[in-house]
């Protein structure tokens, strides 16, 4: 075998090996990416469920998502996210991810579930920087403060009572903290008003792709 032939043969062998390695890497990447995406979706579904207490649905909550860029009419200057929840083809609830702008230590990211009749199904605090031991009790892991909003609506209490008790309202406040609960209550009330005004459009809108 001549030197040139040996070089060509070696080159062909290396090319085949490189092709096989590339295919294996691509297959591994695809499988890993799919697994990561599936895990992320599972975690997202689990994180959304606490705001849907006593709500019957058979849809994947995370699959019918809207992303609303500001200005959108909901609390906050960041993008707002709405997850539509269905039983069969019938809408049963919407989950809002909104931002209370005026927390004591900065914006407070809130998850709020509202059923088709405009009744709160649950509230969870997703992100905040409120004072430990005081304002951070809005977090369900710290206290049961957010549970008082379940089953409330624009009619219960009336608009004038959507305040903390020290302001003449219906809702418990936090010992040593008033700015934080005021911000959360205001954001919940504003979201309920938005839902009442835009309910039909929310469920008629085309879902937003996850990549957007």
N, C-alpha and C. Protein backbone atom coordinates (compact mmCIF):
# COMPACT_ATOMS: atom_id res chain seq x y z
N UNK A 1 0.86 -1.20 0.00
CA UNK A 1 0.00 0.00 0.00
C UNK A 1 0.88 1.24 0.00
N UNK A 2 0.58 2.15 -0.93
CA UNK A 2 1.40 3.36 -1.02
C UNK A 2 1.10 4.29 0.15
N UNK A 3 2.03 5.24 0.36
CA UNK A 3 1.82 6.20 1.44
C UNK A 3 0.57 7.03 1.24
N UNK A 4 0.31 7.43 -0.01
CA UNK A 4 -0.86 8.26 -0.29
C UNK A 4 -2.14 7.49 0.01
N UNK A 5 -2.16 6.20 -0.38
CA UNK A 5 -3.35 5.38 -0.14
C UNK A 5 -3.60 5.20 1.34
N UNK A 6 -2.52 4.99 2.09
CA UNK A 6 -2.65 4.82 3.55
C UNK A 6 -3.20 6.09 4.20
N UNK A 7 -2.73 7.23 3.72
CA UNK A 7 -3.21 8.51 4.27
C UNK A 7 -4.69 8.69 4.00
N UNK A 8 -5.10 8.37 2.74
CA UNK A 8 -6.52 8.49 2.38
C UNK A 8 -7.38 7.56 3.22
N UNK A 9 -6.89 6.33 3.42
CA UNK A 9 -7.65 5.36 4.21
C UNK A 9 -7.77 5.81 5.65
N UNK A 10 -6.68 6.34 6.20
CA UNK A 10 -6.72 6.84 7.58
C UNK A 10 -7.67 8.02 7.70
N UNK A 11 -7.63 8.90 6.67
CA UNK A 11 -8.51 10.06 6.68
C UNK A 11 -9.97 9.65 6.63
N UNK A 12 -10.29 8.65 5.81
CA UNK A 12 -11.67 8.17 5.70
C UNK A 12 -12.13 7.57 7.02
N UNK A 13 -11.23 6.83 7.66
CA UNK A 13 -11.57 6.22 8.96
C UNK A 13 -11.86 7.29 10.01
N UNK A 14 -11.00 8.32 10.02
CA UNK A 14 -11.21 9.40 10.98
C UNK A 14 -12.52 10.14 10.71
N UNK A 15 -12.84 10.31 9.43
CA UNK A 15 -14.09 10.99 9.07
C UNK A 15 -15.30 10.20 9.56
N UNK A 16 -15.23 8.87 9.40
CA UNK A 16 -16.34 8.02 9.85
C UNK A 16 -16.49 8.11 11.37
N UNK A 17 -15.34 8.04 12.07
CA UNK A 17 -15.36 8.13 13.53
C UNK A 17 -15.94 9.47 13.98
N UNK A 18 -15.52 10.55 13.30
CA UNK A 18 -16.01 11.89 13.65
C UNK A 18 -17.52 11.98 13.44
N UNK A 19 -18.00 11.38 12.34
CA UNK A 19 -19.43 11.41 12.04
C UNK A 19 -20.22 10.66 13.12
N UNK A 20 -19.70 9.50 13.52
CA UNK A 20 -20.37 8.72 14.56
C UNK A 20 -20.39 9.48 15.88
N UNK A 21 -19.27 10.08 16.24
CA UNK A 21 -19.18 10.85 17.48
C UNK A 21 -20.14 12.03 17.48
N UNK A 22 -20.20 12.72 16.33
CA UNK A 22 -21.12 13.86 16.21
C UNK A 22 -22.56 13.42 16.39
N UNK A 23 -22.91 12.28 15.77
CA UNK A 23 -24.27 11.76 15.88
C UNK A 23 -24.60 11.39 17.31
N UNK A 24 -23.62 10.77 18.02
CA UNK A 24 -23.84 10.39 19.41
C UNK A 24 -24.03 11.62 20.30
N UNK A 25 -23.19 12.64 20.06
CA UNK A 25 -23.32 13.87 20.84
C UNK A 25 -24.67 14.53 20.59
N UNK A 26 -25.09 14.57 19.32
CA UNK A 26 -26.38 15.18 18.98
C UNK A 26 -27.53 14.42 19.62
N UNK A 27 -27.46 13.08 19.59
CA UNK A 27 -28.52 12.27 20.19
C UNK A 27 -28.57 12.48 21.70
N UNK A 28 -27.39 12.51 22.33
CA UNK A 28 -27.32 12.74 23.78
C UNK A 28 -27.88 14.11 24.13
N UNK A 29 -27.51 15.12 23.35
CA UNK A 29 -28.01 16.49 23.60
C UNK A 29 -29.52 16.54 23.50
N UNK A 30 -30.07 15.91 22.44
CA UNK A 30 -31.52 15.92 22.25
C UNK A 30 -32.23 15.25 23.41
N UNK A 31 -31.72 14.07 23.82
CA UNK A 31 -32.34 13.36 24.92
C UNK A 31 -32.25 14.16 26.22
N UNK A 32 -31.07 14.76 26.45
CA UNK A 32 -30.88 15.55 27.67
C UNK A 32 -31.77 16.78 27.66
N UNK A 33 -31.83 17.46 26.53
CA UNK A 33 -32.66 18.66 26.41
C UNK A 33 -34.13 18.33 26.66
N UNK A 34 -34.60 17.24 26.06
CA UNK A 34 -35.99 16.83 26.25
C UNK A 34 -36.27 16.50 27.72
N UNK A 35 -35.30 15.83 28.36
CA UNK A 35 -35.48 15.46 29.76
C UNK A 35 -35.51 16.71 30.64
N UNK A 36 -34.61 17.65 30.37
CA UNK A 36 -34.59 18.90 31.14
C UNK A 36 -35.89 19.67 30.95
N UNK A 37 -36.36 19.75 29.71
CA UNK A 37 -37.61 20.46 29.42
C UNK A 37 -38.78 19.80 30.16
N UNK A 38 -38.80 18.46 30.17
CA UNK A 38 -39.87 17.74 30.85
C UNK A 38 -39.82 18.00 32.35
N UNK A 39 -38.61 18.00 32.91
CA UNK A 39 -38.46 18.26 34.34
C UNK A 39 -38.89 19.68 34.69
N UNK A 40 -38.50 20.64 33.84
CA UNK A 40 -38.87 22.03 34.08
C UNK A 40 -40.39 22.19 34.02
N UNK A 41 -41.02 21.50 33.07
CA UNK A 41 -42.48 21.59 32.94
C UNK A 41 -43.16 21.00 34.18
N UNK A 42 -42.63 19.87 34.67
CA UNK A 42 -43.19 19.25 35.87
C UNK A 42 -43.08 20.18 37.06
N UNK A 43 -41.91 20.81 37.22
CA UNK A 43 -41.72 21.75 38.33
C UNK A 43 -42.66 22.95 38.21
N UNK A 44 -42.84 23.43 36.98
CA UNK A 44 -43.74 24.56 36.76
C UNK A 44 -45.16 24.18 37.13
N UNK A 45 -45.60 23.02 36.67
CA UNK A 45 -46.96 22.56 36.97
C UNK A 45 -47.15 22.46 38.49
N UNK A 46 -46.16 21.91 39.17
CA UNK A 46 -46.25 21.76 40.62
C UNK A 46 -46.31 23.11 41.32
N UNK A 47 -45.56 24.09 40.80
CA UNK A 47 -45.53 25.41 41.43
C UNK A 47 -46.84 26.16 41.21
N UNK A 48 -47.56 25.84 40.14
CA UNK A 48 -48.81 26.53 39.85
C UNK A 48 -50.00 25.94 40.60
N UNK A 49 -49.95 24.67 40.91
CA UNK A 49 -51.09 23.98 41.50
C UNK A 49 -51.59 24.56 42.82
N UNK A 50 -50.70 25.05 43.72
CA UNK A 50 -51.23 25.58 44.99
C UNK A 50 -52.19 26.75 44.83
N UNK A 51 -52.15 27.43 43.71
CA UNK A 51 -53.06 28.56 43.49
C UNK A 51 -54.36 28.12 42.83
N UNK A 52 -54.58 26.81 42.73
CA UNK A 52 -55.80 26.29 42.10
C UNK A 52 -56.56 25.39 43.05
N UNK A 53 -56.59 25.72 44.30
CA UNK A 53 -57.27 24.90 45.29
C UNK A 53 -58.75 24.74 44.96
N UNK A 54 -59.25 23.52 45.11
CA UNK A 54 -60.67 23.21 44.90
C UNK A 54 -61.15 23.53 43.49
N UNK A 55 -60.22 23.47 42.53
CA UNK A 55 -60.56 23.72 41.13
C UNK A 55 -60.37 22.43 40.34
N UNK A 56 -61.44 21.96 39.68
CA UNK A 56 -61.32 20.76 38.85
C UNK A 56 -60.89 21.16 37.45
N UNK A 57 -59.82 20.55 36.98
CA UNK A 57 -59.36 20.80 35.62
C UNK A 57 -58.64 19.56 35.12
N UNK A 58 -58.60 19.41 33.80
CA UNK A 58 -57.92 18.24 33.23
C UNK A 58 -56.91 18.65 32.16
N UNK A 59 -56.56 19.91 32.14
CA UNK A 59 -55.58 20.39 31.17
C UNK A 59 -54.21 20.49 31.82
N UNK A 60 -53.18 20.57 30.98
CA UNK A 60 -51.85 20.88 31.47
C UNK A 60 -51.79 22.39 31.65
N UNK A 61 -51.64 22.82 32.88
CA UNK A 61 -51.76 24.25 33.19
C UNK A 61 -50.79 25.10 32.39
N UNK A 62 -49.57 24.61 32.21
CA UNK A 62 -48.52 25.43 31.61
C UNK A 62 -48.60 25.52 30.08
N UNK A 63 -49.50 24.76 29.45
CA UNK A 63 -49.50 24.70 27.99
C UNK A 63 -50.28 25.84 27.32
N UNK A 64 -51.19 26.48 28.05
CA UNK A 64 -51.98 27.55 27.45
C UNK A 64 -51.61 28.86 28.13
N UNK A 65 -50.53 29.45 27.65
CA UNK A 65 -49.91 30.59 28.31
C UNK A 65 -49.99 31.84 27.45
N UNK A 66 -50.24 32.95 28.11
CA UNK A 66 -50.16 34.26 27.45
C UNK A 66 -49.07 35.07 28.14
N UNK A 67 -48.29 35.78 27.36
CA UNK A 67 -47.31 36.72 27.91
C UNK A 67 -47.70 38.10 27.41
N UNK A 68 -47.98 39.00 28.36
CA UNK A 68 -48.41 40.35 28.01
C UNK A 68 -47.29 41.33 28.32
N UNK A 69 -46.76 41.94 27.29
CA UNK A 69 -45.73 42.95 27.48
C UNK A 69 -46.35 44.25 27.97
N UNK A 70 -45.64 45.00 28.82
CA UNK A 70 -46.18 46.29 29.29
C UNK A 70 -46.23 47.31 28.16
N UNK A 71 -47.18 48.25 28.24
CA UNK A 71 -48.23 48.36 29.26
C UNK A 71 -49.39 47.40 28.98
N UNK A 72 -49.88 46.74 30.02
CA UNK A 72 -50.89 45.71 29.83
C UNK A 72 -52.12 45.89 30.72
N UNK A 73 -52.07 46.81 31.66
CA UNK A 73 -53.23 47.05 32.51
C UNK A 73 -53.25 46.23 33.78
N UNK A 74 -52.30 45.29 33.91
CA UNK A 74 -52.18 44.51 35.14
C UNK A 74 -51.14 45.15 36.05
N UNK A 75 -51.09 44.75 37.32
CA UNK A 75 -50.08 45.32 38.22
C UNK A 75 -48.66 45.06 37.71
N UNK A 76 -47.81 46.06 37.86
CA UNK A 76 -46.40 45.90 37.53
C UNK A 76 -46.01 46.45 36.18
N UNK A 77 -44.73 46.73 36.03
CA UNK A 77 -44.19 47.24 34.77
C UNK A 77 -43.44 46.15 34.01
N UNK A 78 -43.30 44.96 34.60
CA UNK A 78 -42.71 43.83 33.89
C UNK A 78 -43.78 43.13 33.07
N UNK A 79 -43.35 42.19 32.23
CA UNK A 79 -44.30 41.36 31.49
C UNK A 79 -45.17 40.59 32.49
N UNK A 80 -46.45 40.48 32.17
CA UNK A 80 -47.37 39.68 32.99
C UNK A 80 -47.63 38.37 32.25
N UNK A 81 -47.81 37.31 33.01
CA UNK A 81 -48.07 35.99 32.42
C UNK A 81 -49.43 35.51 32.89
N UNK A 82 -50.19 34.92 31.96
CA UNK A 82 -51.49 34.34 32.29
C UNK A 82 -51.51 32.90 31.79
N UNK A 83 -51.80 31.97 32.69
CA UNK A 83 -52.00 30.57 32.30
C UNK A 83 -53.50 30.29 32.32
N UNK A 84 -54.04 29.83 31.18
CA UNK A 84 -55.46 29.49 31.11
C UNK A 84 -55.66 28.02 31.49
N UNK A 85 -56.68 27.75 32.30
CA UNK A 85 -56.92 26.41 32.82
C UNK A 85 -58.28 25.92 32.33
N UNK A 86 -58.33 24.66 31.85
CA UNK A 86 -59.54 24.15 31.21
C UNK A 86 -59.97 22.81 31.81
N UNK A 87 -61.26 22.56 31.69
CA UNK A 87 -61.82 21.23 31.89
C UNK A 87 -62.47 20.86 30.57
N UNK A 88 -61.85 19.91 29.87
CA UNK A 88 -62.28 19.68 28.50
C UNK A 88 -61.97 20.92 27.67
N UNK A 89 -62.99 21.43 26.98
CA UNK A 89 -62.82 22.65 26.20
C UNK A 89 -63.32 23.89 26.94
N UNK A 90 -63.79 23.70 28.17
CA UNK A 90 -64.38 24.80 28.91
C UNK A 90 -63.35 25.46 29.83
N UNK A 91 -63.19 26.77 29.74
CA UNK A 91 -62.28 27.46 30.67
C UNK A 91 -62.82 27.43 32.09
N UNK A 92 -61.95 27.15 33.05
CA UNK A 92 -62.40 27.10 34.44
C UNK A 92 -61.66 28.10 35.33
N UNK A 93 -60.47 28.53 34.91
CA UNK A 93 -59.70 29.45 35.76
C UNK A 93 -58.56 30.06 34.97
N UNK A 94 -58.00 31.11 35.53
CA UNK A 94 -56.79 31.73 34.97
C UNK A 94 -55.81 31.97 36.11
N UNK A 95 -54.55 31.72 35.83
CA UNK A 95 -53.49 31.99 36.79
C UNK A 95 -52.70 33.19 36.30
N UNK A 96 -52.58 34.20 37.14
CA UNK A 96 -51.86 35.42 36.79
C UNK A 96 -50.53 35.47 37.53
N UNK A 97 -49.48 35.82 36.82
CA UNK A 97 -48.20 36.14 37.44
C UNK A 97 -47.99 37.63 37.22
N UNK A 98 -48.14 38.40 38.30
CA UNK A 98 -48.09 39.86 38.21
C UNK A 98 -47.11 40.39 39.26
N UNK A 99 -46.89 41.69 39.23
CA UNK A 99 -45.91 42.30 40.14
C UNK A 99 -46.53 43.47 40.90
N UNK A 100 -46.49 43.36 42.23
CA UNK A 100 -46.85 44.50 43.07
C UNK A 100 -45.65 45.45 43.07
N UNK A 101 -45.85 46.65 42.59
CA UNK A 101 -44.72 47.57 42.39
C UNK A 101 -44.19 48.18 43.68
N UNK A 102 -45.07 48.32 44.67
CA UNK A 102 -44.74 49.17 45.81
C UNK A 102 -44.54 48.40 47.10
N UNK A 103 -43.82 47.28 47.03
CA UNK A 103 -43.43 46.59 48.25
C UNK A 103 -42.45 47.42 49.06
N UNK A 104 -42.25 47.09 50.31
CA UNK A 104 -41.37 47.87 51.18
C UNK A 104 -39.93 47.84 50.67
N UNK A 105 -39.49 46.67 50.20
CA UNK A 105 -38.09 46.52 49.76
C UNK A 105 -37.97 46.33 48.25
N UNK A 106 -39.05 46.58 47.53
CA UNK A 106 -38.99 46.42 46.08
C UNK A 106 -40.20 45.67 45.55
N UNK A 107 -40.19 45.36 44.26
CA UNK A 107 -41.32 44.66 43.64
C UNK A 107 -41.55 43.28 44.27
N UNK A 108 -42.81 42.86 44.26
CA UNK A 108 -43.20 41.55 44.78
C UNK A 108 -43.91 40.79 43.66
N UNK A 109 -43.37 39.65 43.28
CA UNK A 109 -43.95 38.84 42.20
C UNK A 109 -44.99 37.90 42.80
N UNK A 110 -46.19 37.93 42.24
CA UNK A 110 -47.35 37.24 42.83
C UNK A 110 -47.97 36.27 41.82
N UNK A 111 -48.35 35.10 42.31
CA UNK A 111 -49.14 34.14 41.53
C UNK A 111 -50.55 34.16 42.10
N UNK A 112 -51.53 34.44 41.25
CA UNK A 112 -52.92 34.57 41.69
C UNK A 112 -53.82 33.74 40.80
N UNK A 113 -54.58 32.83 41.41
CA UNK A 113 -55.55 32.03 40.67
C UNK A 113 -56.94 32.63 40.81
N UNK A 114 -57.66 32.70 39.68
CA UNK A 114 -59.03 33.23 39.66
C UNK A 114 -59.89 32.28 38.85
N UNK A 115 -60.99 31.80 39.43
CA UNK A 115 -61.84 30.90 38.65
C UNK A 115 -62.73 31.69 37.69
N UNK A 116 -63.45 30.97 36.86
CA UNK A 116 -64.20 31.61 35.77
C UNK A 116 -65.25 32.60 36.30
N UNK A 117 -65.65 32.43 37.57
CA UNK A 117 -66.64 33.32 38.17
C UNK A 117 -66.01 34.52 38.87
N UNK A 118 -64.68 34.64 38.77
CA UNK A 118 -64.01 35.79 39.37
C UNK A 118 -63.70 35.61 40.84
N UNK A 119 -63.67 34.37 41.31
CA UNK A 119 -63.38 34.08 42.72
C UNK A 119 -61.93 33.59 42.84
N UNK A 120 -61.23 34.12 43.82
CA UNK A 120 -59.82 33.75 44.02
C UNK A 120 -59.72 32.29 44.44
N UNK A 121 -58.89 31.52 43.74
CA UNK A 121 -58.66 30.12 44.09
C UNK A 121 -57.40 29.94 44.92
N UNK A 122 -56.54 30.92 44.92
CA UNK A 122 -55.34 30.84 45.72
C UNK A 122 -54.35 31.92 45.36
N UNK A 123 -53.47 32.23 46.29
CA UNK A 123 -52.42 33.24 46.10
C UNK A 123 -51.11 32.67 46.64
N UNK A 124 -50.05 32.87 45.90
CA UNK A 124 -48.71 32.53 46.37
C UNK A 124 -47.74 33.64 45.99
N UNK A 125 -46.76 33.89 46.83
CA UNK A 125 -45.73 34.87 46.56
C UNK A 125 -44.55 34.14 45.91
N UNK A 126 -44.19 34.57 44.71
CA UNK A 126 -43.13 33.90 43.96
C UNK A 126 -41.75 34.49 44.25
N UNK A 127 -41.71 35.80 44.45
CA UNK A 127 -40.41 36.46 44.63
C UNK A 127 -40.60 37.77 45.39
N UNK A 128 -39.71 38.01 46.34
CA UNK A 128 -39.79 39.27 47.10
C UNK A 128 -38.46 39.49 47.80
N UNK A 129 -38.30 40.69 48.35
CA UNK A 129 -37.11 41.03 49.14
C UNK A 129 -37.54 41.72 50.44
N UNK A 130 -38.72 41.33 50.93
CA UNK A 130 -39.25 42.00 52.12
C UNK A 130 -38.49 41.61 53.39
N UNK A 131 -38.65 42.39 54.42
CA UNK A 131 -37.86 42.26 55.65
C UNK A 131 -38.10 40.93 56.35
N UNK A 132 -37.05 40.16 56.61
CA UNK A 132 -37.21 38.89 57.33
C UNK A 132 -37.87 39.09 58.70
N UNK A 133 -38.83 38.22 59.00
CA UNK A 133 -39.51 38.29 60.28
C UNK A 133 -40.68 39.25 60.30
N UNK A 134 -40.82 40.08 59.28
CA UNK A 134 -41.92 41.04 59.20
C UNK A 134 -42.64 40.89 57.85
N UNK A 135 -42.15 41.62 56.85
CA UNK A 135 -42.80 41.59 55.55
C UNK A 135 -42.71 40.24 54.85
N UNK A 136 -41.71 39.43 55.20
CA UNK A 136 -41.57 38.15 54.50
C UNK A 136 -42.64 37.14 54.89
N UNK A 137 -43.50 37.50 55.84
CA UNK A 137 -44.60 36.60 56.21
C UNK A 137 -45.70 36.55 55.16
N UNK A 138 -45.56 37.31 54.08
CA UNK A 138 -46.46 37.14 52.95
C UNK A 138 -46.20 35.81 52.25
N UNK A 139 -45.03 35.24 52.47
CA UNK A 139 -44.65 33.96 51.88
C UNK A 139 -45.38 32.83 52.61
N UNK A 140 -46.04 31.95 51.86
CA UNK A 140 -46.81 30.85 52.47
C UNK A 140 -45.93 29.91 53.28
N UNK A 141 -44.63 29.92 53.02
CA UNK A 141 -43.71 29.08 53.80
C UNK A 141 -43.41 29.70 55.16
N UNK A 142 -43.75 30.97 55.33
CA UNK A 142 -43.47 31.67 56.58
C UNK A 142 -44.71 31.81 57.46
N UNK A 143 -45.88 31.97 56.82
CA UNK A 143 -47.12 32.11 57.57
C UNK A 143 -48.29 31.79 56.65
N UNK A 144 -49.48 31.77 57.23
CA UNK A 144 -50.68 31.49 56.41
C UNK A 144 -51.38 32.77 55.97
N UNK A 145 -50.68 33.89 55.99
CA UNK A 145 -51.30 35.18 55.67
C UNK A 145 -51.96 35.19 54.31
N UNK A 146 -51.32 34.65 53.28
CA UNK A 146 -51.90 34.72 51.92
C UNK A 146 -53.14 33.85 51.78
N UNK A 147 -53.37 32.91 52.69
CA UNK A 147 -54.53 32.02 52.56
C UNK A 147 -55.86 32.75 52.77
N UNK A 148 -55.81 33.94 53.39
CA UNK A 148 -57.06 34.65 53.66
C UNK A 148 -57.73 35.17 52.38
N UNK A 149 -57.02 35.13 51.25
CA UNK A 149 -57.61 35.65 50.01
C UNK A 149 -58.40 34.59 49.24
N UNK A 150 -58.22 33.32 49.59
CA UNK A 150 -58.95 32.26 48.89
C UNK A 150 -60.45 32.45 49.07
N UNK A 151 -61.19 32.27 47.98
CA UNK A 151 -62.66 32.39 47.94
C UNK A 151 -63.15 33.84 47.99
N UNK A 152 -62.24 34.81 47.93
CA UNK A 152 -62.65 36.21 47.87
C UNK A 152 -62.91 36.64 46.43
N UNK A 153 -63.59 37.76 46.27
CA UNK A 153 -63.92 38.26 44.94
C UNK A 153 -64.10 39.77 45.01
N UNK A 154 -64.47 40.38 43.89
CA UNK A 154 -64.70 41.83 43.89
C UNK A 154 -65.91 42.21 44.74
N UNK A 155 -66.80 41.26 44.98
CA UNK A 155 -67.97 41.53 45.81
C UNK A 155 -67.76 41.12 47.27
N UNK A 156 -66.72 40.38 47.53
CA UNK A 156 -66.45 39.88 48.87
C UNK A 156 -64.96 40.00 49.18
N UNK A 157 -64.55 41.11 49.81
CA UNK A 157 -65.39 42.18 50.34
C UNK A 157 -65.69 43.24 49.28
N UNK A 158 -66.57 44.19 49.61
CA UNK A 158 -66.81 45.31 48.70
C UNK A 158 -65.53 46.11 48.49
N UNK A 159 -65.50 46.90 47.43
CA UNK A 159 -64.28 47.60 47.03
C UNK A 159 -63.68 48.43 48.16
N UNK A 160 -64.51 49.06 48.98
CA UNK A 160 -64.01 49.92 50.05
C UNK A 160 -63.32 49.13 51.16
N UNK A 161 -63.51 47.81 51.16
CA UNK A 161 -62.93 46.98 52.22
C UNK A 161 -61.73 46.18 51.75
N UNK A 162 -61.28 46.43 50.51
CA UNK A 162 -60.07 45.77 50.02
C UNK A 162 -58.84 46.51 50.56
N UNK A 163 -58.69 46.43 51.88
CA UNK A 163 -57.60 47.12 52.58
C UNK A 163 -57.24 46.30 53.80
N UNK A 164 -56.10 46.65 54.43
CA UNK A 164 -55.79 46.02 55.70
C UNK A 164 -56.70 46.62 56.78
N UNK A 165 -56.84 45.91 57.89
CA UNK A 165 -57.79 46.32 58.92
C UNK A 165 -57.49 47.70 59.50
N UNK A 166 -56.22 48.02 59.64
CA UNK A 166 -55.87 49.34 60.22
C UNK A 166 -56.25 50.48 59.30
N UNK A 167 -56.51 50.19 58.03
CA UNK A 167 -56.98 51.21 57.08
C UNK A 167 -58.49 51.15 56.90
N UNK A 168 -59.18 50.37 57.75
CA UNK A 168 -60.62 50.24 57.65
C UNK A 168 -61.06 49.13 56.72
N UNK A 169 -60.16 48.22 56.43
CA UNK A 169 -60.46 47.15 55.49
C UNK A 169 -60.76 45.82 56.14
N UNK A 170 -60.81 44.80 55.30
CA UNK A 170 -61.23 43.46 55.69
C UNK A 170 -60.07 42.55 56.10
N UNK A 171 -58.88 42.84 55.60
CA UNK A 171 -57.81 41.85 55.65
C UNK A 171 -56.82 42.07 56.80
N UNK A 172 -56.37 40.94 57.34
CA UNK A 172 -55.35 40.97 58.38
C UNK A 172 -54.09 41.63 57.84
N UNK A 173 -53.39 42.30 58.72
CA UNK A 173 -52.11 42.85 58.34
C UNK A 173 -51.01 42.05 59.02
N UNK A 174 -49.80 42.42 58.80
CA UNK A 174 -48.67 41.72 59.40
C UNK A 174 -48.11 42.56 60.53
N UNK A 175 -47.83 41.93 61.64
CA UNK A 175 -47.29 42.65 62.79
C UNK A 175 -45.97 43.33 62.41
N UNK A 176 -45.94 44.63 62.57
CA UNK A 176 -44.72 45.37 62.27
C UNK A 176 -44.53 45.70 60.81
N UNK A 177 -45.52 45.35 59.99
CA UNK A 177 -45.39 45.63 58.55
C UNK A 177 -46.76 45.98 57.99
N UNK A 178 -46.85 47.12 57.34
CA UNK A 178 -48.11 47.52 56.71
C UNK A 178 -47.93 47.82 55.23
N UNK A 179 -46.75 48.30 54.83
CA UNK A 179 -46.51 48.62 53.42
C UNK A 179 -46.60 47.37 52.55
N UNK A 180 -46.00 46.28 53.02
CA UNK A 180 -45.98 45.04 52.26
C UNK A 180 -47.38 44.49 52.00
N UNK A 181 -48.21 44.29 53.05
CA UNK A 181 -49.55 43.77 52.77
C UNK A 181 -50.41 44.72 51.94
N UNK A 182 -50.23 46.02 52.11
CA UNK A 182 -50.98 46.97 51.27
C UNK A 182 -50.66 46.73 49.80
N UNK A 183 -49.39 46.53 49.50
CA UNK A 183 -48.97 46.34 48.11
C UNK A 183 -49.58 45.07 47.53
N UNK A 184 -49.57 43.99 48.30
CA UNK A 184 -50.11 42.72 47.82
C UNK A 184 -51.61 42.80 47.62
N UNK A 185 -52.31 43.37 48.59
CA UNK A 185 -53.77 43.49 48.48
C UNK A 185 -54.16 44.33 47.28
N UNK A 186 -53.46 45.42 47.08
CA UNK A 186 -53.74 46.29 45.93
C UNK A 186 -53.54 45.53 44.62
N UNK A 187 -52.47 44.75 44.52
CA UNK A 187 -52.20 44.01 43.30
C UNK A 187 -53.26 42.94 43.04
N UNK A 188 -53.69 42.26 44.09
CA UNK A 188 -54.74 41.24 43.93
C UNK A 188 -56.04 41.89 43.45
N UNK A 189 -56.40 42.99 44.07
CA UNK A 189 -57.64 43.68 43.68
C UNK A 189 -57.58 44.17 42.24
N UNK A 190 -56.45 44.74 41.84
CA UNK A 190 -56.30 45.23 40.47
C UNK A 190 -56.37 44.07 39.46
N UNK A 191 -55.83 42.92 39.84
CA UNK A 191 -55.88 41.77 38.95
C UNK A 191 -57.31 41.26 38.79
N UNK A 192 -58.07 41.25 39.88
CA UNK A 192 -59.48 40.85 39.79
C UNK A 192 -60.27 41.80 38.90
N UNK A 193 -59.99 43.09 39.00
CA UNK A 193 -60.65 44.07 38.13
C UNK A 193 -60.30 43.81 36.67
N UNK A 194 -59.05 43.50 36.40
CA UNK A 194 -58.61 43.21 35.03
C UNK A 194 -59.32 41.96 34.50
N UNK A 195 -59.40 40.94 35.33
CA UNK A 195 -60.05 39.70 34.90
C UNK A 195 -61.52 39.94 34.57
N UNK A 196 -62.20 40.71 35.40
CA UNK A 196 -63.61 41.00 35.15
C UNK A 196 -63.80 41.73 33.83
N UNK A 197 -62.89 42.66 33.52
CA UNK A 197 -63.02 43.46 32.30
C UNK A 197 -62.56 42.74 31.05
N UNK A 198 -61.67 41.74 31.18
CA UNK A 198 -61.06 41.12 30.01
C UNK A 198 -61.25 39.60 29.95
N UNK A 199 -62.17 39.07 30.72
CA UNK A 199 -62.34 37.62 30.83
C UNK A 199 -62.47 36.94 29.47
N UNK A 200 -63.36 37.43 28.63
CA UNK A 200 -63.58 36.80 27.32
C UNK A 200 -62.34 36.86 26.45
N UNK A 201 -61.66 38.00 26.45
CA UNK A 201 -60.45 38.14 25.63
C UNK A 201 -59.33 37.24 26.11
N UNK A 202 -59.24 37.05 27.41
CA UNK A 202 -58.18 36.20 27.97
C UNK A 202 -58.29 34.78 27.41
N UNK A 203 -59.48 34.24 27.39
CA UNK A 203 -59.65 32.86 26.95
C UNK A 203 -59.75 32.73 25.43
N UNK A 204 -59.97 33.84 24.75
CA UNK A 204 -60.05 33.80 23.28
C UNK A 204 -58.70 33.99 22.63
N UNK A 205 -57.74 34.54 23.35
CA UNK A 205 -56.44 34.88 22.79
C UNK A 205 -55.65 33.62 22.42
N UNK A 206 -54.77 33.74 21.45
CA UNK A 206 -53.89 32.65 21.03
C UNK A 206 -52.77 32.48 22.05
N UNK A 207 -52.49 31.23 22.39
CA UNK A 207 -51.42 30.96 23.36
C UNK A 207 -50.09 31.48 22.86
N UNK A 208 -49.23 31.90 23.81
CA UNK A 208 -47.90 32.39 23.48
C UNK A 208 -46.93 31.24 23.49
N UNK A 209 -46.07 31.13 22.46
CA UNK A 209 -45.06 30.08 22.43
C UNK A 209 -44.12 30.24 23.60
N UNK A 210 -43.65 29.11 24.13
CA UNK A 210 -42.73 29.14 25.27
C UNK A 210 -41.45 29.89 24.97
N UNK A 211 -41.05 29.92 23.71
CA UNK A 211 -39.78 30.57 23.38
C UNK A 211 -39.91 32.08 23.31
N UNK A 212 -41.12 32.61 23.30
CA UNK A 212 -41.28 34.05 23.11
C UNK A 212 -40.99 34.81 24.39
